[in-house]
Amino acid sequence: MLDVDLVKALANDKRLLILDWLRDPEAHFPPQRDGDLVRDGVCSLFLAEKLGVSQPTCGEHLKILSRTGLIHGKRIKQWVFYRRDEERIEQAKRQLAGQW
């Protein structure tokens, strides 16, 4: 059975951009003062700025992606850094392709 929440999460251009940017964060974001772009993820503030949306709007997109397991957040100091979950993304690709 198809995961409706997964389909909803992927049915938004901004969320697809986030997933694309997080695939190669060093190519899309400047170095961060706290947290390594690859190891720790990208600060939600950088994501909001690059998307051109408010922090609360970006937070909603990140929450939806997190709920489906496509990304995971890691708190460092007062910030949350996000990275892709490659295993979950591969699983989602198989599911969407009908390869349960």
PDB file of N, CA and C in Angstrom:
ATOM      1  N   MET A   1       0.837  -1.184   0.000  1.00  0.00           N
ATOM      2  CA  MET A   1       0.000   0.000   0.000  1.00  0.00           C
ATOM      3  C   MET A   1       0.882   1.247   0.000  1.00  0.00           C
ATOM      4  N   LEU A   2       0.508   2.228  -0.788  1.00  0.00           N
ATOM      5  CA  LEU A   2       1.279   3.452  -0.933  1.00  0.00           C
ATOM      6  C   LEU A   2       1.144   4.334   0.311  1.00  0.00           C
ATOM      7  N   ASP A   3       2.239   4.901   0.759  1.00  0.00           N
ATOM      8  CA  ASP A   3       2.273   5.786   1.916  1.00  0.00           C
ATOM      9  C   ASP A   3       1.803   7.170   1.480  1.00  0.00           C
ATOM     10  N   VAL A   4       0.590   7.535   1.867  1.00  0.00           N
ATOM     11  CA  VAL A   4      -0.008   8.801   1.452  1.00  0.00           C
ATOM     12  C   VAL A   4       0.798   9.991   1.980  1.00  0.00           C
ATOM     13  N   ASP A   5       1.300   9.885   3.216  1.00  0.00           N
ATOM     14  CA  ASP A   5       2.097  10.983   3.780  1.00  0.00           C
ATOM     15  C   ASP A   5       3.376  11.206   2.977  1.00  0.00           C
ATOM     16  N   LEU A   6       3.969  10.122   2.498  1.00  0.00           N
ATOM     17  CA  LEU A   6       5.170  10.233   1.666  1.00  0.00           C
ATOM     18  C   LEU A   6       4.841  10.962   0.367  1.00  0.00           C
ATOM     19  N   VAL A   7       3.754  10.580  -0.272  1.00  0.00           N
ATOM     20  CA  VAL A   7       3.358  11.223  -1.526  1.00  0.00           C
ATOM     21  C   VAL A   7       3.085  12.709  -1.292  1.00  0.00           C
ATOM     22  N   LYS A   8       2.402  13.034  -0.199  1.00  0.00           N
ATOM     23  CA  LYS A   8       2.125  14.434   0.121  1.00  0.00           C
ATOM     24  C   LYS A   8       3.422  15.214   0.367  1.00  0.00           C
ATOM     25  N   ALA A   9       4.359  14.565   1.050  1.00  0.00           N
ATOM     26  CA  ALA A   9       5.636  15.232   1.343  1.00  0.00           C
ATOM     27  C   ALA A   9       6.400  15.554   0.063  1.00  0.00           C
ATOM     28  N   LEU A  10       6.290  14.667  -0.922  1.00  0.00           N
ATOM     29  CA  LEU A  10       7.022  14.861  -2.172  1.00  0.00           C
ATOM     30  C   LEU A  10       6.246  15.681  -3.198  1.00  0.00           C
ATOM     31  N   ALA A  11       5.032  16.043  -2.884  1.00  0.00           N
ATOM     32  CA  ALA A  11       4.175  16.765  -3.831  1.00  0.00           C
ATOM     33  C   ALA A  11       4.304  18.270  -3.673  1.00  0.00           C
ATOM     34  N   ASN A  12       5.468  18.741  -3.273  1.00  0.00           N
ATOM     35  CA  ASN A  12       5.679  20.171  -3.077  1.00  0.00           C
ATOM     36  C   ASN A  12       7.062  20.535  -3.612  1.00  0.00           C
ATOM     37  N   ASP A  13       7.096  21.540  -4.478  1.00  0.00           N
ATOM     38  CA  ASP A  13       8.365  21.940  -5.103  1.00  0.00           C
ATOM     39  C   ASP A  13       9.424  22.348  -4.087  1.00  0.00           C
ATOM     40  N   LYS A  14       9.022  23.058  -3.046  1.00  0.00           N
ATOM     41  CA  LYS A  14      10.003  23.532  -2.059  1.00  0.00           C
ATOM     42  C   LYS A  14      10.598  22.370  -1.277  1.00  0.00           C
ATOM     43  N   ARG A  15       9.796  21.375  -0.954  1.00  0.00           N
ATOM     44  CA  ARG A  15      10.326  20.210  -0.241  1.00  0.00           C
ATOM     45  C   ARG A  15      11.258  19.410  -1.145  1.00  0.00           C
ATOM     46  N   LEU A  16      10.944  19.330  -2.417  1.00  0.00           N
ATOM     47  CA  LEU A  16      11.847  18.649  -3.353  1.00  0.00           C
ATOM     48  C   LEU A  16      13.171  19.397  -3.471  1.00  0.00           C
ATOM     49  N   LEU A  17      13.110  20.722  -3.449  1.00  0.00           N
ATOM     50  CA  LEU A  17      14.347  21.517  -3.471  1.00  0.00           C
ATOM     51  C   LEU A  17      15.195  21.224  -2.238  1.00  0.00           C
ATOM     52  N   ILE A  18      14.550  21.185  -1.077  1.00  0.00           N
ATOM     53  CA  ILE A  18      15.282  20.898   0.157  1.00  0.00           C
ATOM     54  C   ILE A  18      16.000  19.558   0.043  1.00  0.00           C
ATOM     55  N   LEU A  19      15.295  18.542  -0.413  1.00  0.00           N
ATOM     56  CA  LEU A  19      15.914  17.219  -0.563  1.00  0.00           C
ATOM     57  C   LEU A  19      17.072  17.257  -1.553  1.00  0.00           C
ATOM     58  N   ASP A  20      16.900  18.005  -2.624  1.00  0.00           N
ATOM     59  CA  ASP A  20      17.967  18.116  -3.623  1.00  0.00           C
ATOM     60  C   ASP A  20      19.183  18.827  -3.036  1.00  0.00           C
ATOM     61  N   TRP A  21      18.974  19.936  -2.367  1.00  0.00           N
ATOM     62  CA  TRP A  21      20.087  20.678  -1.776  1.00  0.00           C
ATOM     63  C   TRP A  21      20.815  19.859  -0.732  1.00  0.00           C
ATOM     64  N   LEU A  22      20.059  19.094   0.061  1.00  0.00           N
ATOM     65  CA  LEU A  22      20.690  18.302   1.117  1.00  0.00           C
ATOM     66  C   LEU A  22      21.462  17.104   0.565  1.00  0.00           C
ATOM     67  N   ARG A  23      21.240  16.754  -0.684  1.00  0.00           N
ATOM     68  CA  ARG A  23      22.008  15.662  -1.301  1.00  0.00           C
ATOM     69  C   ARG A  23      23.484  16.049  -1.365  1.00  0.00           C
ATOM     70  N   ASP A  24      23.778  17.321  -1.662  1.00  0.00           N
ATOM     71  CA  ASP A  24      25.159  17.809  -1.743  1.00  0.00           C
ATOM     72  C   ASP A  24      25.220  19.178  -1.075  1.00  0.00           C
ATOM     73  N   PRO A  25      25.185  19.207   0.253  1.00  0.00           N
ATOM     74  CA  PRO A  25      25.094  20.486   0.958  1.00  0.00           C
ATOM     75  C   PRO A  25      26.278  21.422   0.723  1.00  0.00           C
ATOM     76  N   GLU A  26      27.465  20.878   0.510  1.00  0.00           N
ATOM     77  CA  GLU A  26      28.635  21.740   0.301  1.00  0.00           C
ATOM     78  C   GLU A  26      28.536  22.515  -1.003  1.00  0.00           C
ATOM     79  N   ALA A  27      27.800  22.003  -1.972  1.00  0.00           N
ATOM     80  CA  ALA A  27      27.629  22.697  -3.246  1.00  0.00           C
ATOM     81  C   ALA A  27      26.577  23.799  -3.161  1.00  0.00           C
ATOM     82  N   HIS A  28      25.719  23.729  -2.156  1.00  0.00           N
ATOM     83  CA  HIS A  28      24.581  24.652  -2.098  1.00  0.00           C
ATOM     84  C   HIS A  28      24.608  25.635  -0.932  1.00  0.00           C
ATOM     85  N   PHE A  29      25.472  25.401   0.064  1.00  0.00           N
ATOM     86  CA  PHE A  29      25.469  26.249   1.254  1.00  0.00           C
ATOM     87  C   PHE A  29      26.888  26.620   1.649  1.00  0.00           C
ATOM     88  N   PRO A  30      27.047  27.806   2.243  1.00  0.00           N
ATOM     89  CA  PRO A  30      28.375  28.209   2.730  1.00  0.00           C
ATOM     90  C   PRO A  30      28.716  27.443   4.004  1.00  0.00           C
ATOM     91  N   PRO A  31      29.981  27.440   4.380  1.00  0.00           N
ATOM     92  CA  PRO A  31      30.356  26.793   5.646  1.00  0.00           C
ATOM     93  C   PRO A  31      29.581  27.427   6.812  1.00  0.00           C
ATOM     94  N   GLN A  32      29.298  26.598   7.804  1.00  0.00           N
ATOM     95  CA  GLN A  32      28.558  27.063   8.977  1.00  0.00           C
ATOM     96  C   GLN A  32      29.503  27.249  10.146  1.00  0.00           C
ATOM     97  N   ARG A  33      29.148  28.152  11.040  1.00  0.00           N
ATOM     98  CA  ARG A  33      29.969  28.357  12.232  1.00  0.00           C
ATOM     99  C   ARG A  33      29.873  27.133  13.155  1.00  0.00           C
ATOM    100  N   ASP A  34      28.655  26.609  13.320  1.00  0.00           N
ATOM    101  CA  ASP A  34      28.439  25.416  14.138  1.00  0.00           C
ATOM    102  C   ASP A  34      27.965  24.293  13.222  1.00  0.00           C
ATOM    103  N   GLY A  35      28.447  23.118  13.441  1.00  0.00           N
ATOM    104  CA  GLY A  35      27.979  21.952  12.685  1.00  0.00           C
ATOM    105  C   GLY A  35      28.605  21.840  11.306  1.00  0.00           C
ATOM    106  N   ASP A  36      29.014  20.639  10.987  1.00  0.00           N
ATOM    107  CA  ASP A  36      29.570  20.325   9.675  1.00  0.00           C
ATOM    108  C   ASP A  36      28.426  20.082   8.691  1.00  0.00           C
ATOM    109  N   LEU A  37      28.481  20.689   7.513  1.00  0.00           N
ATOM    110  CA  LEU A  37      27.403  20.563   6.525  1.00  0.00           C
ATOM    111  C   LEU A  37      27.083  19.109   6.189  1.00  0.00           C
ATOM    112  N   VAL A  38      28.093  18.281   6.043  1.00  0.00           N
ATOM    113  CA  VAL A  38      27.876  16.892   5.637  1.00  0.00           C
ATOM    114  C   VAL A  38      27.546  16.013   6.842  1.00  0.00           C
ATOM    115  N   ARG A  39      28.347  16.102   7.869  1.00  0.00           N
ATOM    116  CA  ARG A  39      28.183  15.222   9.030  1.00  0.00           C
ATOM    117  C   ARG A  39      26.949  15.591   9.869  1.00  0.00           C
ATOM    118  N   ASP A  40      26.734  16.880  10.097  1.00  0.00           N
ATOM    119  CA  ASP A  40      25.651  17.315  10.980  1.00  0.00           C
ATOM    120  C   ASP A  40      24.407  17.778  10.233  1.00  0.00           C
ATOM    121  N   GLY A  41      24.577  18.239   9.005  1.00  0.00           N
ATOM    122  CA  GLY A  41      23.456  18.743   8.234  1.00  0.00           C
ATOM    123  C   GLY A  41      23.495  20.248   8.081  1.00  0.00           C
ATOM    124  N   VAL A  42      22.438  20.777   7.489  1.00  0.00           N
ATOM    125  CA  VAL A  42      22.347  22.207   7.179  1.00  0.00           C
ATOM    126  C   VAL A  42      21.409  22.876   8.176  1.00  0.00           C
ATOM    127  N   CYS A  43      21.835  24.022   8.677  1.00  0.00           N
ATOM    128  CA  CYS A  43      21.027  24.786   9.625  1.00  0.00           C
ATOM    129  C   CYS A  43      19.709  25.208   8.968  1.00  0.00           C
ATOM    130  N   SER A  44      18.636  25.087   9.714  1.00  0.00           N
ATOM    131  CA  SER A  44      17.319  25.449   9.187  1.00  0.00           C
ATOM    132  C   SER A  44      17.251  26.912   8.753  1.00  0.00           C
ATOM    133  N   LEU A  45      18.052  27.772   9.358  1.00  0.00           N
ATOM    134  CA  LEU A  45      18.073  29.185   8.956  1.00  0.00           C
ATOM    135  C   LEU A  45      18.591  29.332   7.529  1.00  0.00           C
ATOM    136  N   PHE A  46      19.630  28.563   7.178  1.00  0.00           N
ATOM    137  CA  PHE A  46      20.158  28.595   5.808  1.00  0.00           C
ATOM    138  C   PHE A  46      19.116  28.091   4.816  1.00  0.00           C
ATOM    139  N   LEU A  47      18.397  27.041   5.211  1.00  0.00           N
ATOM    140  CA  LEU A  47      17.366  26.483   4.330  1.00  0.00           C
ATOM    141  C   LEU A  47      16.252  27.499   4.092  1.00  0.00           C
ATOM    142  N   ALA A  48      15.805  28.167   5.138  1.00  0.00           N
ATOM    143  CA  ALA A  48      14.737  29.166   5.003  1.00  0.00           C
ATOM    144  C   ALA A  48      15.183  30.309   4.096  1.00  0.00           C
ATOM    145  N   GLU A  49      16.419  30.764   4.296  1.00  0.00           N
ATOM    146  CA  GLU A  49      16.937  31.864   3.478  1.00  0.00           C
ATOM    147  C   GLU A  49      17.021  31.460   2.006  1.00  0.00           C
ATOM    148  N   LYS A  50      17.544  30.278   1.734  1.00  0.00           N
ATOM    149  CA  LYS A  50      17.697  29.822   0.350  1.00  0.00           C
ATOM    150  C   LYS A  50      16.339  29.591  -0.314  1.00  0.00           C
ATOM    151  N   LEU A  51      15.357  29.109   0.458  1.00  0.00           N
ATOM    152  CA  LEU A  51      14.007  28.919  -0.080  1.00  0.00           C
ATOM    153  C   LEU A  51      13.288  30.240  -0.318  1.00  0.00           C
ATOM    154  N   GLY A  52      13.721  31.273   0.401  1.00  0.00           N
ATOM    155  CA  GLY A  52      13.057  32.576   0.293  1.00  0.00           C
ATOM    156  C   GLY A  52      11.732  32.609   1.041  1.00  0.00           C
ATOM    157  N   VAL A  53      11.682  31.871   2.160  1.00  0.00           N
ATOM    158  CA  VAL A  53      10.466  31.828   2.970  1.00  0.00           C
ATOM    159  C   VAL A  53      10.820  32.159   4.414  1.00  0.00           C
ATOM    160  N   SER A  54       9.791  32.413   5.217  1.00  0.00           N
ATOM    161  CA  SER A  54      10.008  32.684   6.640  1.00  0.00           C
ATOM    162  C   SER A  54      10.473  31.407   7.342  1.00  0.00           C
ATOM    163  N   GLN A  55      11.063  31.590   8.517  1.00  0.00           N
ATOM    164  CA  GLN A  55      11.509  30.432   9.291  1.00  0.00           C
ATOM    165  C   GLN A  55      10.340  29.517   9.669  1.00  0.00           C
ATOM    166  N   PRO A  56       9.179  30.058  10.082  1.00  0.00           N
ATOM    167  CA  PRO A  56       8.057  29.163  10.396  1.00  0.00           C
ATOM    168  C   PRO A  56       7.572  28.364   9.179  1.00  0.00           C
ATOM    169  N   THR A  57       7.558  28.988   8.016  1.00  0.00           N
ATOM    170  CA  THR A  57       7.136  28.271   6.805  1.00  0.00           C
ATOM    171  C   THR A  57       8.130  27.170   6.474  1.00  0.00           C
ATOM    172  N   CYS A  58       9.399  27.481   6.557  1.00  0.00           N
ATOM    173  CA  CYS A  58      10.427  26.472   6.315  1.00  0.00           C
ATOM    174  C   CYS A  58      10.302  25.353   7.339  1.00  0.00           C
ATOM    175  N   GLY A  59      10.035  25.721   8.587  1.00  0.00           N
ATOM    176  CA  GLY A  59       9.872  24.733   9.643  1.00  0.00           C
ATOM    177  C   GLY A  59       8.762  23.739   9.341  1.00  0.00           C
ATOM    178  N   GLU A  60       7.681  24.208   8.741  1.00  0.00           N
ATOM    179  CA  GLU A  60       6.584  23.311   8.358  1.00  0.00           C
ATOM    180  C   GLU A  60       7.042  22.310   7.298  1.00  0.00           C
ATOM    181  N   HIS A  61       7.771  22.806   6.299  1.00  0.00           N
ATOM    182  CA  HIS A  61       8.304  21.916   5.263  1.00  0.00           C
ATOM    183  C   HIS A  61       9.235  20.868   5.882  1.00  0.00           C
ATOM    184  N   LEU A  62      10.099  21.307   6.787  1.00  0.00           N
ATOM    185  CA  LEU A  62      11.047  20.394   7.423  1.00  0.00           C
ATOM    186  C   LEU A  62      10.316  19.378   8.300  1.00  0.00           C
ATOM    187  N   LYS A  63       9.277  19.817   8.969  1.00  0.00           N
ATOM    188  CA  LYS A  63       8.493  18.910   9.819  1.00  0.00           C
ATOM    189  C   LYS A  63       7.836  17.811   8.981  1.00  0.00           C
ATOM    190  N   ILE A  64       7.285  18.187   7.842  1.00  0.00           N
ATOM    191  CA  ILE A  64       6.634  17.213   6.961  1.00  0.00           C
ATOM    192  C   ILE A  64       7.655  16.199   6.435  1.00  0.00           C
ATOM    193  N   LEU A  65       8.822  16.678   6.019  1.00  0.00           N
ATOM    194  CA  LEU A  65       9.868  15.772   5.534  1.00  0.00           C
ATOM    195  C   LEU A  65      10.393  14.878   6.664  1.00  0.00           C
ATOM    196  N   SER A  66      10.499  15.437   7.856  1.00  0.00           N
ATOM    197  CA  SER A  66      10.975  14.665   9.004  1.00  0.00           C
ATOM    198  C   SER A  66       9.977  13.585   9.398  1.00  0.00           C
ATOM    199  N   ARG A  67       8.708  13.937   9.358  1.00  0.00           N
ATOM    200  CA  ARG A  67       7.663  12.981   9.749  1.00  0.00           C
ATOM    201  C   ARG A  67       7.681  11.734   8.863  1.00  0.00           C
ATOM    202  N   THR A  68       8.047  11.898   7.596  1.00  0.00           N
ATOM    203  CA  THR A  68       8.114  10.748   6.683  1.00  0.00           C
ATOM    204  C   THR A  68       9.464  10.035   6.769  1.00  0.00           C
ATOM    205  N   GLY A  69      10.401  10.584   7.544  1.00  0.00           N
ATOM    206  CA  GLY A  69      11.702   9.957   7.719  1.00  0.00           C
ATOM    207  C   GLY A  69      12.704  10.271   6.634  1.00  0.00           C
ATOM    208  N   LEU A  70      12.353  11.166   5.702  1.00  0.00           N
ATOM    209  CA  LEU A  70      13.260  11.484   4.599  1.00  0.00           C
ATOM    210  C   LEU A  70      14.453  12.317   5.058  1.00  0.00           C
ATOM    211  N   ILE A  71      14.256  13.103   6.109  1.00  0.00           N
ATOM    212  CA  ILE A  71      15.341  13.889   6.700  1.00  0.00           C
ATOM    213  C   ILE A  71      15.277  13.727   8.216  1.00  0.00           C
ATOM    214  N   HIS A  72      16.393  14.061   8.870  1.00  0.00           N
ATOM    215  CA  HIS A  72      16.456  14.021  10.327  1.00  0.00           C
ATOM    216  C   HIS A  72      17.117  15.293  10.822  1.00  0.00           C
ATOM    217  N   GLY A  73      16.601  15.806  11.918  1.00  0.00           N
ATOM    218  CA  GLY A  73      17.174  16.994  12.523  1.00  0.00           C
ATOM    219  C   GLY A  73      18.095  16.633  13.673  1.00  0.00           C
ATOM    220  N   LYS A  74      19.102  17.475  13.865  1.00  0.00           N
ATOM    221  CA  LYS A  74      20.059  17.307  14.960  1.00  0.00           C
ATOM    222  C   LYS A  74      20.253  18.665  15.613  1.00  0.00           C
ATOM    223  N   ARG A  75      19.978  18.744  16.900  1.00  0.00           N
ATOM    224  CA  ARG A  75      20.122  20.010  17.618  1.00  0.00           C
ATOM    225  C   ARG A  75      21.577  20.207  18.027  1.00  0.00           C
ATOM    226  N   ILE A  76      22.090  21.389  17.668  1.00  0.00           N
ATOM    227  CA  ILE A  76      23.419  21.826  18.109  1.00  0.00           C
ATOM    228  C   ILE A  76      23.238  23.242  18.631  1.00  0.00           C
ATOM    229  N   LYS A  77      23.501  23.398  19.921  1.00  0.00           N
ATOM    230  CA  LYS A  77      23.224  24.662  20.612  1.00  0.00           C
ATOM    231  C   LYS A  77      21.750  24.982  20.440  1.00  0.00           C
ATOM    232  N   GLN A  78      21.427  26.178  19.952  1.00  0.00           N
ATOM    233  CA  GLN A  78      20.010  26.532  19.796  1.00  0.00           C
ATOM    234  C   GLN A  78      19.493  26.268  18.383  1.00  0.00           C
ATOM    235  N   TRP A  79      20.303  25.696  17.517  1.00  0.00           N
ATOM    236  CA  TRP A  79      19.930  25.499  16.122  1.00  0.00           C
ATOM    237  C   TRP A  79      19.616  24.030  15.834  1.00  0.00           C
ATOM    238  N   VAL A  80      18.849  23.813  14.763  1.00  0.00           N
ATOM    239  CA  VAL A  80      18.593  22.449  14.308  1.00  0.00           C
ATOM    240  C   VAL A  80      19.150  22.318  12.899  1.00  0.00           C
ATOM    241  N   PHE A  81      19.914  21.263  12.696  1.00  0.00           N
ATOM    242  CA  PHE A  81      20.581  20.989  11.425  1.00  0.00           C
ATOM    243  C   PHE A  81      19.942  19.752  10.813  1.00  0.00           C
ATOM    244  N   TYR A  82      19.709  19.788   9.497  1.00  0.00           N
ATOM    245  CA  TYR A  82      18.989  18.714   8.826  1.00  0.00           C
ATOM    246  C   TYR A  82      19.847  18.031   7.779  1.00  0.00           C
ATOM    247  N   ARG A  83      19.729  16.694   7.750  1.00  0.00           N
ATOM    248  CA  ARG A  83      20.378  15.903   6.719  1.00  0.00           C
ATOM    249  C   ARG A  83      19.414  14.840   6.212  1.00  0.00           C
ATOM    250  N   ARG A  84      19.703  14.372   5.007  1.00  0.00           N
ATOM    251  CA  ARG A  84      18.880  13.339   4.384  1.00  0.00           C
ATOM    252  C   ARG A  84      19.122  11.988   5.041  1.00  0.00           C
ATOM    253  N   ASP A  85      18.106  11.145   5.042  1.00  0.00           N
ATOM    254  CA  ASP A  85      18.249   9.753   5.453  1.00  0.00           C
ATOM    255  C   ASP A  85      18.254   8.940   4.162  1.00  0.00           C
ATOM    256  N   GLU A  86      19.441   8.609   3.680  1.00  0.00           N
ATOM    257  CA  GLU A  86      19.582   7.967   2.369  1.00  0.00           C
ATOM    258  C   GLU A  86      18.914   6.593   2.317  1.00  0.00           C
ATOM    259  N   GLU A  87      18.954   5.847   3.413  1.00  0.00           N
ATOM    260  CA  GLU A  87      18.285   4.542   3.430  1.00  0.00           C
ATOM    261  C   GLU A  87      16.782   4.702   3.248  1.00  0.00           C
ATOM    262  N   ARG A  88      16.199   5.635   3.970  1.00  0.00           N
ATOM    263  CA  ARG A  88      14.763   5.881   3.872  1.00  0.00           C
ATOM    264  C   ARG A  88      14.392   6.390   2.484  1.00  0.00           C
ATOM    265  N   ILE A  89      15.233   7.219   1.898  1.00  0.00           N
ATOM    266  CA  ILE A  89      14.966   7.741   0.558  1.00  0.00           C
ATOM    267  C   ILE A  89      14.976   6.597  -0.459  1.00  0.00           C
ATOM    268  N   GLU A  90      15.929   5.688  -0.335  1.00  0.00           N
ATOM    269  CA  GLU A  90      15.968   4.526  -1.242  1.00  0.00           C
ATOM    270  C   GLU A  90      14.724   3.661  -1.063  1.00  0.00           C
ATOM    271  N   GLN A  91      14.323   3.463   0.180  1.00  0.00           N
ATOM    272  CA  GLN A  91      13.110   2.699   0.465  1.00  0.00           C
ATOM    273  C   GLN A  91      11.891   3.384  -0.162  1.00  0.00           C
ATOM    274  N   ALA A  92      11.824   4.709  -0.039  1.00  0.00           N
ATOM    275  CA  ALA A  92      10.704   5.462  -0.618  1.00  0.00           C
ATOM    276  C   ALA A  92      10.697   5.348  -2.139  1.00  0.00           C
ATOM    277  N   LYS A  93      11.876   5.386  -2.756  1.00  0.00           N
ATOM    278  CA  LYS A  93      11.965   5.237  -4.213  1.00  0.00           C
ATOM    279  C   LYS A  93      11.424   3.881  -4.653  1.00  0.00           C
ATOM    280  N   ARG A  94      11.812   2.832  -3.932  1.00  0.00           N
ATOM    281  CA  ARG A  94      11.312   1.492  -4.259  1.00  0.00           C
ATOM    282  C   ARG A  94       9.799   1.417  -4.073  1.00  0.00           C
ATOM    283  N   GLN A  95       9.329   1.995  -3.003  1.00  0.00           N
ATOM    284  CA  GLN A  95       7.894   1.987  -2.732  1.00  0.00           C
ATOM    285  C   GLN A  95       7.127   2.707  -3.828  1.00  0.00           C
ATOM    286  N   LEU A  96       7.619   3.866  -4.230  1.00  0.00           N
ATOM    287  CA  LEU A  96       6.945   4.639  -5.270  1.00  0.00           C
ATOM    288  C   LEU A  96       7.027   3.952  -6.629  1.00  0.00           C
ATOM    289  N   ALA A  97       8.074   3.166  -6.820  1.00  0.00           N
ATOM    290  CA  ALA A  97       8.207   2.432  -8.087  1.00  0.00           C
ATOM    291  C   ALA A  97       7.418   1.127  -8.070  1.00  0.00           C
ATOM    292  N   GLY A  98       6.807   0.809  -6.923  1.00  0.00           N
ATOM    293  CA  GLY A  98       6.004  -0.392  -6.825  1.00  0.00           C
ATOM    294  C   GLY A  98       6.806  -1.629  -6.489  1.00  0.00           C
ATOM    295  N   GLN A  99       8.045  -1.444  -5.995  1.00  0.00           N
ATOM    296  CA  GLN A  99       8.921  -2.569  -5.647  1.00  0.00           C
ATOM    297  C   GLN A  99       8.908  -2.773  -4.134  1.00  0.00           C
ATOM    298  N   TRP A 100       7.829  -3.163  -3.575  1.00  0.00           N
ATOM    299  CA  TRP A 100       7.679  -3.324  -2.126  1.00  0.00           C
ATOM    300  C   TRP A 100       8.665  -4.308  -1.647  1.00  0.00           C
TER     301      TRP A 100
END
